PDB file of N, CA and C in Angstrom:
ATOM      1  N   MET A   1     -18.221 -76.187  -5.209  1.00  0.00           N
ATOM      2  CA  MET A   1     -17.144 -75.879  -4.351  1.00  0.00           C
ATOM      3  C   MET A   1     -15.773 -76.175  -4.931  1.00  0.00           C
ATOM      4  N   LYS A   2     -14.887 -75.630  -4.336  1.00  0.00           N
ATOM      5  CA  LYS A   2     -13.443 -75.956  -4.889  1.00  0.00           C
ATOM      6  C   LYS A   2     -12.586 -76.131  -3.630  1.00  0.00           C
ATOM      7  N   TRP A   3     -11.762 -77.032  -3.833  1.00  0.00           N
ATOM      8  CA  TRP A   3     -10.841 -77.456  -2.647  1.00  0.00           C
ATOM      9  C   TRP A   3      -9.313 -77.380  -3.104  1.00  0.00           C
ATOM     10  N   ARG A   4      -8.585 -77.014  -2.170  1.00  0.00           N
ATOM     11  CA  ARG A   4      -7.123 -76.855  -2.628  1.00  0.00           C
ATOM     12  C   ARG A   4      -6.320 -77.726  -1.696  1.00  0.00           C
ATOM     13  N   CYS A   5      -5.406 -78.464  -2.398  1.00  0.00           N
ATOM     14  CA  CYS A   5      -4.469 -79.365  -1.563  1.00  0.00           C
ATOM     15  C   CYS A   5      -3.531 -78.421  -0.893  1.00  0.00           C
ATOM     16  N   GLY A   6      -3.260 -78.532   0.308  1.00  0.00           N
ATOM     17  CA  GLY A   6      -2.261 -77.819   1.031  1.00  0.00           C
ATOM     18  C   GLY A   6      -0.831 -78.250   0.841  1.00  0.00           C
ATOM     19  N   VAL A   7      -0.650 -79.500   0.180  1.00  0.00           N
ATOM     20  CA  VAL A   7       0.696 -80.008  -0.100  1.00  0.00           C
ATOM     21  C   VAL A   7       1.084 -79.584  -1.408  1.00  0.00           C
ATOM     22  N   CYS A   8       0.301 -79.860  -2.392  1.00  0.00           N
ATOM     23  CA  CYS A   8       0.810 -79.430  -3.809  1.00  0.00           C
ATOM     24  C   CYS A   8       0.089 -78.526  -4.613  1.00  0.00           C
ATOM     25  N   GLY A   9      -1.203 -78.010  -4.009  1.00  0.00           N
ATOM     26  CA  GLY A   9      -1.735 -76.883  -4.645  1.00  0.00           C
ATOM     27  C   GLY A   9      -2.857 -77.413  -5.671  1.00  0.00           C
ATOM     28  N   TYR A  10      -3.076 -78.728  -5.820  1.00  0.00           N
ATOM     29  CA  TYR A  10      -4.101 -79.211  -6.652  1.00  0.00           C
ATOM     30  C   TYR A  10      -5.513 -78.718  -6.259  1.00  0.00           C
ATOM     31  N   ILE A  11      -6.234 -78.248  -7.351  1.00  0.00           N
ATOM     32  CA  ILE A  11      -7.673 -77.759  -7.189  1.00  0.00           C
ATOM     33  C   ILE A  11      -8.605 -78.998  -7.468  1.00  0.00           C
ATOM     34  N   HIS A  12      -9.498 -78.979  -6.540  1.00  0.00           N
ATOM     35  CA  HIS A  12     -10.402 -80.193  -6.817  1.00  0.00           C
ATOM     36  C   HIS A  12     -11.889 -79.494  -6.813  1.00  0.00           C
ATOM     37  N   ASP A  13     -12.718 -79.893  -7.770  1.00  0.00           N
ATOM     38  CA  ASP A  13     -14.045 -79.250  -7.881  1.00  0.00           C
ATOM     39  C   ASP A  13     -15.034 -80.475  -7.357  1.00  0.00           C
ATOM     40  N   GLY A  14     -15.839 -80.088  -6.449  1.00  0.00           N
ATOM     41  CA  GLY A  14     -16.765 -81.075  -5.929  1.00  0.00           C
ATOM     42  C   GLY A  14     -17.336 -80.588  -4.562  1.00  0.00           C
ATOM     43  N   PRO A  15     -18.369 -81.328  -4.131  1.00  0.00           N
ATOM     44  CA  PRO A  15     -18.939 -80.994  -2.769  1.00  0.00           C
ATOM     45  C   PRO A  15     -18.225 -81.150  -1.659  1.00  0.00           C
ATOM     46  N   GLU A  16     -17.185 -82.052  -1.760  1.00  0.00           N
ATOM     47  CA  GLU A  16     -16.321 -82.341  -0.567  1.00  0.00           C
ATOM     48  C   GLU A  16     -14.777 -82.592  -1.180  1.00  0.00           C
ATOM     49  N   ALA A  17     -13.951 -82.546  -0.359  1.00  0.00           N
ATOM     50  CA  ALA A  17     -12.574 -82.727  -0.770  1.00  0.00           C
ATOM     51  C   ALA A  17     -12.413 -84.321  -1.185  1.00  0.00           C
ATOM     52  N   PRO A  18     -11.520 -84.741  -2.087  1.00  0.00           N
ATOM     53  CA  PRO A  18     -11.387 -86.002  -2.267  1.00  0.00           C
ATOM     54  C   PRO A  18     -10.774 -86.856  -1.114  1.00  0.00           C
ATOM     55  N   ASN A  19     -10.864 -88.171  -1.069  1.00  0.00           N
ATOM     56  CA  ASN A  19     -10.181 -88.712   0.115  1.00  0.00           C
ATOM     57  C   ASN A  19      -8.692 -88.771   0.044  1.00  0.00           C
ATOM     58  N   VAL A  20      -7.947 -88.701  -1.249  1.00  0.00           N
ATOM     59  CA  VAL A  20      -6.723 -88.509  -1.422  1.00  0.00           C
ATOM     60  C   VAL A  20      -6.483 -87.691  -2.650  1.00  0.00           C
ATOM     61  N   CYS A  21      -5.432 -86.792  -2.499  1.00  0.00           N
ATOM     62  CA  CYS A  21      -5.199 -85.879  -3.650  1.00  0.00           C
ATOM     63  C   CYS A  21      -4.711 -86.806  -4.984  1.00  0.00           C
ATOM     64  N   PRO A  22      -5.361 -86.520  -5.946  1.00  0.00           N
ATOM     65  CA  PRO A  22      -5.024 -87.349  -7.169  1.00  0.00           C
ATOM     66  C   PRO A  22      -3.572 -87.018  -7.703  1.00  0.00           C
ATOM     67  N   LYS A  23      -3.020 -85.804  -7.277  1.00  0.00           N
ATOM     68  CA  LYS A  23      -1.702 -85.456  -7.805  1.00  0.00           C
ATOM     69  C   LYS A  23      -0.504 -86.076  -6.801  1.00  0.00           C
ATOM     70  N   CYS A  24      -0.679 -85.735  -5.570  1.00  0.00           N
ATOM     71  CA  CYS A  24       0.329 -86.102  -4.719  1.00  0.00           C
ATOM     72  C   CYS A  24       0.052 -87.277  -3.643  1.00  0.00           C
ATOM     73  N   GLY A  25      -1.186 -87.630  -3.569  1.00  0.00           N
ATOM     74  CA  GLY A  25      -1.583 -88.510  -2.502  1.00  0.00           C
ATOM     75  C   GLY A  25      -1.770 -88.059  -1.042  1.00  0.00           C
ATOM     76  N   ALA A  26      -1.795 -86.832  -0.982  1.00  0.00           N
ATOM     77  CA  ALA A  26      -2.055 -86.251   0.326  1.00  0.00           C
ATOM     78  C   ALA A  26      -3.510 -86.671   0.938  1.00  0.00           C
ATOM     79  N   PRO A  27      -3.640 -86.999   2.228  1.00  0.00           N
ATOM     80  CA  PRO A  27      -5.035 -87.161   2.689  1.00  0.00           C
ATOM     81  C   PRO A  27      -6.093 -86.051   2.559  1.00  0.00           C
ATOM     82  N   LYS A  28      -7.251 -86.426   2.765  1.00  0.00           N
ATOM     83  CA  LYS A  28      -8.306 -85.347   2.708  1.00  0.00           C
ATOM     84  C   LYS A  28      -8.084 -84.188   3.628  1.00  0.00           C
ATOM     85  N   GLU A  29      -7.631 -84.492   4.831  1.00  0.00           N
ATOM     86  CA  GLU A  29      -7.363 -83.477   5.786  1.00  0.00           C
ATOM     87  C   GLU A  29      -6.520 -82.369   5.457  1.00  0.00           C
ATOM     88  N   LYS A  30      -5.713 -82.640   4.447  1.00  0.00           N
ATOM     89  CA  LYS A  30      -4.743 -81.636   3.792  1.00  0.00           C
ATOM     90  C   LYS A  30      -5.425 -80.561   2.849  1.00  0.00           C
ATOM     91  N   PHE A  31      -6.752 -80.801   2.579  1.00  0.00           N
ATOM     92  CA  PHE A  31      -7.537 -79.990   1.617  1.00  0.00           C
ATOM     93  C   PHE A  31      -8.123 -78.915   2.432  1.00  0.00           C
ATOM     94  N   GLU A  32      -8.174 -77.643   1.850  1.00  0.00           N
ATOM     95  CA  GLU A  32      -9.015 -76.681   2.290  1.00  0.00           C
ATOM     96  C   GLU A  32     -10.002 -76.044   1.287  1.00  0.00           C
ATOM     97  N   LYS A  33     -11.121 -75.803   1.885  1.00  0.00           N
ATOM     98  CA  LYS A  33     -12.131 -75.292   0.972  1.00  0.00           C
ATOM     99  C   LYS A  33     -11.832 -73.841   0.579  1.00  0.00           C
ATOM    100  N   LEU A  34     -11.984 -73.506  -0.649  1.00  0.00           N
ATOM    101  CA  LEU A  34     -11.737 -72.021  -1.070  1.00  0.00           C
ATOM    102  C   LEU A  34     -12.952 -71.242  -0.756  1.00  0.00           C
ATOM    103  N   ALA A  35     -12.597 -70.027  -0.403  1.00  0.00           N
ATOM    104  CA  ALA A  35     -13.737 -69.062  -0.227  1.00  0.00           C
ATOM    105  C   ALA A  35     -14.223 -68.756  -1.652  1.00  0.00           C
ATOM    106  N   GLU A  36     -15.426 -68.209  -1.590  1.00  0.00           N
ATOM    107  CA  GLU A  36     -16.237 -68.030  -2.949  1.00  0.00           C
ATOM    108  C   GLU A  36     -15.379 -67.112  -3.833  1.00  0.00           C
ATOM    109  N   GLU A  37     -14.786 -66.045  -3.270  1.00  0.00           N
ATOM    110  CA  GLU A  37     -14.070 -65.181  -4.131  1.00  0.00           C
ATOM    111  C   GLU A  37     -12.830 -65.811  -4.712  1.00  0.00           C
ATOM    112  N   GLN A  38     -12.189 -66.762  -4.081  1.00  0.00           N
ATOM    113  CA  GLN A  38     -11.031 -67.475  -4.516  1.00  0.00           C
ATOM    114  C   GLN A  38     -11.577 -68.518  -5.629  1.00  0.00           C
ATOM    115  N   ALA A  39     -12.666 -69.014  -5.265  1.00  0.00           N
ATOM    116  CA  ALA A  39     -13.230 -70.130  -6.322  1.00  0.00           C
ATOM    117  C   ALA A  39     -13.540 -69.408  -7.610  1.00  0.00           C
ATOM    118  N   ASN A  40     -14.127 -68.083  -7.524  1.00  0.00           N
ATOM    119  CA  ASN A  40     -14.469 -67.404  -8.713  1.00  0.00           C
ATOM    120  C   ASN A  40     -13.301 -67.037  -9.585  1.00  0.00           C
ATOM    121  N   LEU A  41     -12.153 -66.632  -8.758  1.00  0.00           N
ATOM    122  CA  LEU A  41     -10.939 -66.397  -9.540  1.00  0.00           C
ATOM    123  C   LEU A  41     -10.348 -67.524 -10.209  1.00  0.00           C
ATOM    124  N   VAL A  42     -10.506 -68.797  -9.655  1.00  0.00           N
ATOM    125  CA  VAL A  42     -10.042 -70.003 -10.239  1.00  0.00           C
ATOM    126  C   VAL A  42     -10.744 -70.212 -11.489  1.00  0.00           C
ATOM    127  N   ASP A  43     -12.093 -70.094 -11.513  1.00  0.00           N
ATOM    128  CA  ASP A  43     -12.860 -70.188 -12.815  1.00  0.00           C
ATOM    129  C   ASP A  43     -12.495 -69.199 -13.847  1.00  0.00           C
ATOM    130  N   ARG A  44     -12.258 -67.975 -13.430  1.00  0.00           N
ATOM    131  CA  ARG A  44     -11.852 -66.979 -14.361  1.00  0.00           C
ATOM    132  C   ARG A  44     -10.477 -67.213 -14.999  1.00  0.00           C
ATOM    133  N   SER A  45      -9.497 -67.743 -14.158  1.00  0.00           N
ATOM    134  CA  SER A  45      -8.309 -67.906 -14.501  1.00  0.00           C
ATOM    135  C   SER A  45      -8.073 -69.237 -15.446  1.00  0.00           C
ATOM    136  N   ARG A  46      -9.021 -70.150 -15.128  1.00  0.00           N
ATOM    137  CA  ARG A  46      -9.110 -71.343 -16.042  1.00  0.00           C
ATOM    138  C   ARG A  46      -9.449 -70.951 -17.521  1.00  0.00           C
ATOM    139  N   LEU A  47     -10.380 -69.990 -17.570  1.00  0.00           N
ATOM    140  CA  LEU A  47     -10.736 -69.558 -18.910  1.00  0.00           C
ATOM    141  C   LEU A  47      -9.571 -68.812 -19.580  1.00  0.00           C
ATOM    142  N   SER A  48      -9.003 -67.871 -18.793  1.00  0.00           N
ATOM    143  CA  SER A  48      -7.863 -67.072 -19.540  1.00  0.00           C
ATOM    144  C   SER A  48      -6.661 -67.977 -19.728  1.00  0.00           C
ATOM    145  N   ASN A  49      -6.374 -68.729 -18.929  1.00  0.00           N
ATOM    146  CA  ASN A  49      -5.269 -69.620 -19.139  1.00  0.00           C
ATOM    147  C   ASN A  49      -5.571 -70.565 -20.362  1.00  0.00           C
ATOM    148  N   ASP A  50      -6.758 -71.096 -20.495  1.00  0.00           N
ATOM    149  CA  ASP A  50      -7.127 -71.978 -21.558  1.00  0.00           C
ATOM    150  C   ASP A  50      -6.943 -71.065 -22.838  1.00  0.00           C
ATOM    151  N   LEU A  51      -7.370 -69.909 -22.848  1.00  0.00           N
ATOM    152  CA  LEU A  51      -7.336 -69.000 -24.136  1.00  0.00           C
ATOM    153  C   LEU A  51      -5.856 -68.893 -24.405  1.00  0.00           C
ATOM    154  N   HIS A  52      -5.017 -68.611 -23.408  1.00  0.00           N
ATOM    155  CA  HIS A  52      -3.587 -68.463 -23.639  1.00  0.00           C
ATOM    156  C   HIS A  52      -3.023 -69.724 -24.382  1.00  0.00           C
ATOM    157  N   MET A  53      -3.306 -70.882 -23.859  1.00  0.00           N
ATOM    158  CA  MET A  53      -2.871 -72.006 -24.512  1.00  0.00           C
ATOM    159  C   MET A  53      -3.354 -72.376 -25.918  1.00  0.00           C
ATOM    160  N   GLN A  54      -4.572 -72.001 -26.136  1.00  0.00           N
ATOM    161  CA  GLN A  54      -5.179 -72.061 -27.554  1.00  0.00           C
ATOM    162  C   GLN A  54      -4.401 -71.085 -28.388  1.00  0.00           C
ATOM    163  N   LEU A  55      -4.144 -69.823 -27.916  1.00  0.00           N
ATOM    164  CA  LEU A  55      -3.371 -68.840 -28.681  1.00  0.00           C
ATOM    165  C   LEU A  55      -1.923 -69.447 -29.042  1.00  0.00           C
ATOM    166  N   SER A  56      -1.355 -69.970 -28.046  1.00  0.00           N
ATOM    167  CA  SER A  56      -0.095 -70.488 -28.198  1.00  0.00           C
ATOM    168  C   SER A  56      -0.038 -71.554 -29.230  1.00  0.00           C
ATOM    169  N   ALA A  57      -0.939 -72.373 -29.337  1.00  0.00           N
ATOM    170  CA  ALA A  57      -1.177 -73.374 -30.391  1.00  0.00           C
ATOM    171  C   ALA A  57      -1.349 -72.905 -31.755  1.00  0.00           C
ATOM    172  N   LEU A  58      -2.052 -71.677 -31.814  1.00  0.00           N
ATOM    173  CA  LEU A  58      -2.209 -71.144 -33.169  1.00  0.00           C
ATOM    174  C   LEU A  58      -0.992 -70.454 -33.615  1.00  0.00           C
ATOM    175  N   LEU A  59      -0.172 -70.023 -32.706  1.00  0.00           N
ATOM    176  CA  LEU A  59       1.135 -69.262 -32.873  1.00  0.00           C
ATOM    177  C   LEU A  59       2.174 -70.483 -33.271  1.00  0.00           C
ATOM    178  N   ASP A  60       1.950 -71.550 -32.811  1.00  0.00           N
ATOM    179  CA  ASP A  60       2.780 -72.755 -33.384  1.00  0.00           C
ATOM    180  C   ASP A  60       2.548 -72.964 -34.809  1.00  0.00           C
ATOM    181  N   LYS A  61       1.347 -72.967 -35.005  1.00  0.00           N
ATOM    182  CA  LYS A  61       0.948 -73.128 -36.579  1.00  0.00           C
ATOM    183  C   LYS A  61       1.629 -71.888 -37.374  1.00  0.00           C
ATOM    184  N   ALA A  62       1.412 -70.627 -36.933  1.00  0.00           N
ATOM    185  CA  ALA A  62       1.988 -69.580 -37.677  1.00  0.00           C
ATOM    186  C   ALA A  62       3.523 -69.676 -37.776  1.00  0.00           C
ATOM    187  N   LEU A  63       4.113 -70.237 -36.741  1.00  0.00           N
ATOM    188  CA  LEU A  63       5.648 -70.433 -36.896  1.00  0.00           C
ATOM    189  C   LEU A  63       5.964 -71.509 -37.955  1.00  0.00           C
ATOM    190  N   GLU A  64       5.108 -72.384 -38.036  1.00  0.00           N
ATOM    191  CA  GLU A  64       5.280 -73.648 -39.113  1.00  0.00           C
ATOM    192  C   GLU A  64       5.210 -73.017 -40.434  1.00  0.00           C
ATOM    193  N   ILE A  65       4.070 -72.164 -40.612  1.00  0.00           N
ATOM    194  CA  ILE A  65       3.944 -71.524 -42.042  1.00  0.00           C
ATOM    195  C   ILE A  65       4.928 -70.573 -42.230  1.00  0.00           C
ATOM    196  N   ALA A  66       5.468 -69.702 -41.241  1.00  0.00           N
ATOM    197  CA  ALA A  66       6.405 -68.643 -41.497  1.00  0.00           C
ATOM    198  C   ALA A  66       7.739 -69.442 -41.889  1.00  0.00           C
ATOM    199  N   GLU A  67       8.092 -70.538 -41.268  1.00  0.00           N
ATOM    200  CA  GLU A  67       9.268 -71.212 -41.673  1.00  0.00           C
ATOM    201  C   GLU A  67       9.274 -71.758 -43.094  1.00  0.00           C
ATOM    202  N   LYS A  68       8.098 -72.258 -43.587  1.00  0.00           N
ATOM    203  CA  LYS A  68       7.901 -72.820 -44.841  1.00  0.00           C
ATOM    204  C   LYS A  68       8.029 -71.480 -45.857  1.00  0.00           C
ATOM    205  N   GLY A  69       7.476 -70.519 -45.552  1.00  0.00           N
ATOM    206  CA  GLY A  69       7.560 -69.207 -46.420  1.00  0.00           C
ATOM    207  C   GLY A  69       8.986 -68.829 -46.539  1.00  0.00           C
ATOM    208  N   ILE A  70       9.890 -68.826 -45.371  1.00  0.00           N
ATOM    209  CA  ILE A  70      11.161 -68.492 -45.496  1.00  0.00           C
ATOM    210  C   ILE A  70      12.078 -69.343 -46.381  1.00  0.00           C
ATOM    211  N   GLN A  71      11.738 -70.755 -46.177  1.00  0.00           N
ATOM    212  CA  GLN A  71      12.367 -71.654 -46.935  1.00  0.00           C
ATOM    213  C   GLN A  71      12.019 -71.647 -48.380  1.00  0.00           C
ATOM    214  N   ASP A  72      10.939 -71.182 -48.777  1.00  0.00           N
ATOM    215  CA  ASP A  72      10.339 -71.141 -50.138  1.00  0.00           C
ATOM    216  C   ASP A  72      11.122 -69.987 -50.785  1.00  0.00           C
ATOM    217  N   ASN A  73      11.366 -68.864 -50.120  1.00  0.00           N
ATOM    218  CA  ASN A  73      12.167 -67.831 -50.555  1.00  0.00           C
ATOM    219  C   ASN A  73      11.919 -67.307 -51.929  1.00  0.00           C
ATOM    220  N   LEU A  74      10.566 -67.044 -52.080  1.00  0.00           N
ATOM    221  CA  LEU A  74      10.120 -66.500 -53.470  1.00  0.00           C
ATOM    222  C   LEU A  74      10.645 -65.231 -53.706  1.00  0.00           C
ATOM    223  N   ASP A  75      10.609 -64.273 -52.885  1.00  0.00           N
ATOM    224  CA  ASP A  75      11.196 -63.035 -53.159  1.00  0.00           C
ATOM    225  C   ASP A  75      11.436 -62.338 -51.972  1.00  0.00           C
ATOM    226  N   PRO A  76      12.298 -61.170 -51.815  1.00  0.00           N
ATOM    227  CA  PRO A  76      12.700 -60.610 -50.572  1.00  0.00           C
ATOM    228  C   PRO A  76      11.430 -60.148 -49.810  1.00  0.00           C
ATOM    229  N   ALA A  77      10.407 -59.608 -50.431  1.00  0.00           N
ATOM    230  CA  ALA A  77       9.269 -59.004 -49.804  1.00  0.00           C
ATOM    231  C   ALA A  77       8.344 -60.171 -48.971  1.00  0.00           C
ATOM    232  N   CYS A  78       8.424 -61.277 -49.709  1.00  0.00           N
ATOM    233  CA  CYS A  78       7.672 -62.393 -49.050  1.00  0.00           C
ATOM    234  C   CYS A  78       8.482 -62.801 -47.795  1.00  0.00           C
ATOM    235  N   VAL A  79       9.821 -63.107 -47.952  1.00  0.00           N
ATOM    236  CA  VAL A  79      10.620 -63.417 -46.959  1.00  0.00           C
ATOM    237  C   VAL A  79      10.455 -62.606 -45.827  1.00  0.00           C
ATOM    238  N   LYS A  80      10.465 -61.269 -46.040  1.00  0.00           N
ATOM    239  CA  LYS A  80      10.451 -60.310 -44.917  1.00  0.00           C
ATOM    240  C   LYS A  80       9.173 -60.421 -44.113  1.00  0.00           C
ATOM    241  N   ILE A  81       7.932 -60.653 -44.824  1.00  0.00           N
ATOM    242  CA  ILE A  81       6.845 -60.888 -44.087  1.00  0.00           C
ATOM    243  C   ILE A  81       6.774 -62.181 -43.185  1.00  0.00           C
ATOM    244  N   PHE A  82       7.403 -63.211 -43.799  1.00  0.00           N
ATOM    245  CA  PHE A  82       7.455 -64.572 -43.138  1.00  0.00           C
ATOM    246  C   PHE A  82       8.474 -64.529 -41.943  1.00  0.00           C
ATOM    247  N   THR A  83       9.432 -63.686 -42.106  1.00  0.00           N
ATOM    248  CA  THR A  83      10.438 -63.416 -41.085  1.00  0.00           C
ATOM    249  C   THR A  83       9.869 -62.696 -39.996  1.00  0.00           C
ATOM    250  N   ARG A  84       9.159 -61.742 -40.261  1.00  0.00           N
ATOM    251  CA  ARG A  84       8.558 -60.854 -39.130  1.00  0.00           C
ATOM    252  C   ARG A  84       7.537 -61.613 -38.521  1.00  0.00           C
ATOM    253  N   THR A  85       6.736 -62.420 -39.204  1.00  0.00           N
ATOM    254  CA  THR A  85       5.661 -63.338 -38.609  1.00  0.00           C
ATOM    255  C   THR A  85       6.470 -64.323 -37.510  1.00  0.00           C
ATOM    256  N   LYS A  86       7.554 -64.712 -37.904  1.00  0.00           N
ATOM    257  CA  LYS A  86       8.288 -65.712 -37.158  1.00  0.00           C
ATOM    258  C   LYS A  86       8.851 -65.008 -35.810  1.00  0.00           C
ATOM    259  N   GLU A  87       9.296 -63.841 -35.976  1.00  0.00           N
ATOM    260  CA  GLU A  87       9.639 -63.027 -34.873  1.00  0.00           C
ATOM    261  C   GLU A  87       8.702 -62.799 -33.973  1.00  0.00           C
ATOM    262  N   CYS A  88       7.477 -62.218 -34.411  1.00  0.00           N
ATOM    263  CA  CYS A  88       6.394 -61.766 -33.686  1.00  0.00           C
ATOM    264  C   CYS A  88       5.685 -62.952 -32.827  1.00  0.00           C
ATOM    265  N   ALA A  89       5.599 -64.124 -33.603  1.00  0.00           N
ATOM    266  CA  ALA A  89       5.039 -65.211 -33.026  1.00  0.00           C
ATOM    267  C   ALA A  89       5.790 -65.809 -31.804  1.00  0.00           C
ATOM    268  N   THR A  90       7.108 -65.798 -32.048  1.00  0.00           N
ATOM    269  CA  THR A  90       8.122 -66.272 -31.046  1.00  0.00           C
ATOM    270  C   THR A  90       8.021 -65.344 -29.773  1.00  0.00           C
ATOM    271  N   GLN A  91       7.899 -64.041 -30.106  1.00  0.00           N
ATOM    272  CA  GLN A  91       7.753 -63.131 -28.976  1.00  0.00           C
ATOM    273  C   GLN A  91       6.528 -63.289 -28.237  1.00  0.00           C
ATOM    274  N   LEU A  92       5.369 -63.411 -28.996  1.00  0.00           N
ATOM    275  CA  LEU A  92       4.134 -63.741 -28.341  1.00  0.00           C
ATOM    276  C   LEU A  92       4.061 -65.037 -27.469  1.00  0.00           C
ATOM    277  N   LYS A  93       4.683 -65.893 -28.030  1.00  0.00           N
ATOM    278  CA  LYS A  93       4.599 -67.281 -27.345  1.00  0.00           C
ATOM    279  C   LYS A  93       5.399 -67.126 -25.988  1.00  0.00           C
ATOM    280  N   GLN A  94       6.576 -66.412 -25.997  1.00  0.00           N
ATOM    281  CA  GLN A  94       7.244 -66.243 -24.783  1.00  0.00           C
ATOM    282  C   GLN A  94       6.480 -65.291 -23.824  1.00  0.00           C
ATOM    283  N   SER A  95       5.745 -64.376 -24.358  1.00  0.00           N
ATOM    284  CA  SER A  95       4.998 -63.492 -23.420  1.00  0.00           C
ATOM    285  C   SER A  95       3.771 -64.248 -22.832  1.00  0.00           C
ATOM    286  N   ILE A  96       3.221 -65.229 -23.666  1.00  0.00           N
ATOM    287  CA  ILE A  96       2.109 -66.187 -23.034  1.00  0.00           C
ATOM    288  C   ILE A  96       2.776 -66.960 -21.883  1.00  0.00           C
ATOM    289  N   LYS A  97       3.919 -67.661 -22.065  1.00  0.00           N
ATOM    290  CA  LYS A  97       4.612 -68.389 -20.995  1.00  0.00           C
ATOM    291  C   LYS A  97       4.767 -67.465 -19.709  1.00  0.00           C
ATOM    292  N   ALA A  98       5.273 -66.301 -20.011  1.00  0.00           N
ATOM    293  CA  ALA A  98       5.534 -65.447 -18.775  1.00  0.00           C
ATOM    294  C   ALA A  98       4.232 -65.089 -18.081  1.00  0.00           C
ATOM    295  N   GLU A  99       3.214 -64.876 -18.880  1.00  0.00           N
ATOM    296  CA  GLU A  99       1.962 -64.576 -18.246  1.00  0.00           C
ATOM    297  C   GLU A  99       1.454 -65.829 -17.377  1.00  0.00           C
ATOM    298  N   ILE A 100       1.487 -66.845 -17.896  1.00  0.00           N
ATOM    299  CA  ILE A 100       1.012 -68.178 -17.158  1.00  0.00           C
ATOM    300  C   ILE A 100       1.810 -68.330 -15.950  1.00  0.00           C
ATOM    301  N   VAL A 101       3.129 -68.008 -16.181  1.00  0.00           N
ATOM    302  CA  VAL A 101       4.025 -68.181 -14.885  1.00  0.00           C
ATOM    303  C   VAL A 101       3.557 -67.087 -13.776  1.00  0.00           C
ATOM    304  N   THR A 102       3.103 -65.953 -14.207  1.00  0.00           N
ATOM    305  CA  THR A 102       2.603 -65.025 -13.262  1.00  0.00           C
ATOM    306  C   THR A 102       1.378 -65.308 -12.618  1.00  0.00           C
ATOM    307  N   HIS A 103       0.428 -65.947 -13.473  1.00  0.00           N
ATOM    308  CA  HIS A 103      -0.787 -66.533 -12.981  1.00  0.00           C
ATOM    309  C   HIS A 103      -0.602 -67.575 -11.900  1.00  0.00           C
ATOM    310  N   ILE A 104       0.507 -68.514 -12.091  1.00  0.00           N
ATOM    311  CA  ILE A 104       0.720 -69.500 -11.148  1.00  0.00           C
ATOM    312  C   ILE A 104       1.297 -68.868  -9.826  1.00  0.00           C
ATOM    313  N   SER A 105       2.151 -67.956  -9.942  1.00  0.00           N
ATOM    314  CA  SER A 105       2.906 -67.386  -8.863  1.00  0.00           C
ATOM    315  C   SER A 105       1.723 -66.581  -7.879  1.00  0.00           C
ATOM    316  N   LYS A 106       0.706 -66.117  -8.540  1.00  0.00           N
ATOM    317  CA  LYS A 106      -0.294 -65.396  -7.973  1.00  0.00           C
ATOM    318  C   LYS A 106      -1.594 -66.263  -7.628  1.00  0.00           C
ATOM    319  N   GLY A 107      -1.311 -67.661  -7.684  1.00  0.00           N
ATOM    320  CA  GLY A 107      -2.494 -68.517  -7.321  1.00  0.00           C
ATOM    321  C   GLY A 107      -3.604 -68.497  -8.280  1.00  0.00           C
ATOM    322  N   LYS A 108      -3.406 -67.960  -9.470  1.00  0.00           N
ATOM    323  CA  LYS A 108      -4.443 -67.907 -10.512  1.00  0.00           C
ATOM    324  C   LYS A 108      -4.365 -68.975 -11.508  1.00  0.00           C
ATOM    325  N   TRP A 109      -3.992 -70.202 -11.073  1.00  0.00           N
ATOM    326  CA  TRP A 109      -3.927 -71.444 -11.930  1.00  0.00           C
ATOM    327  C   TRP A 109      -5.007 -72.270 -11.349  1.00  0.00           C
ATOM    328  N   GLY A 110      -5.786 -72.935 -12.039  1.00  0.00           N
ATOM    329  CA  GLY A 110      -6.736 -73.686 -11.284  1.00  0.00           C
ATOM    330  C   GLY A 110      -7.060 -74.803 -12.277  1.00  0.00           C
TER     331      GLY A 110
END
């Protein structure tokens, strides 16, 4: 079962709501049990959001490598590849952030 705090939106997993919200301190009475469909959406969104965060971490590594390649400046073709990598990784990271914001606004964050 999943429970959502009506004050801050914290999602609790368990057979019953917690006595107080671990995030905002709201009492148990402020929690509502999520319908099965909503609970399933939370599980799916947790997976997708986790994958987005993992991909973002990999893109951080790609940005680090690209920057080193640009600084190395071996030849124009190499710099072009590293520069393109940097641009693409930056755009993808921004897209990931925007997608997560969309998930949050649609209640797909859990």
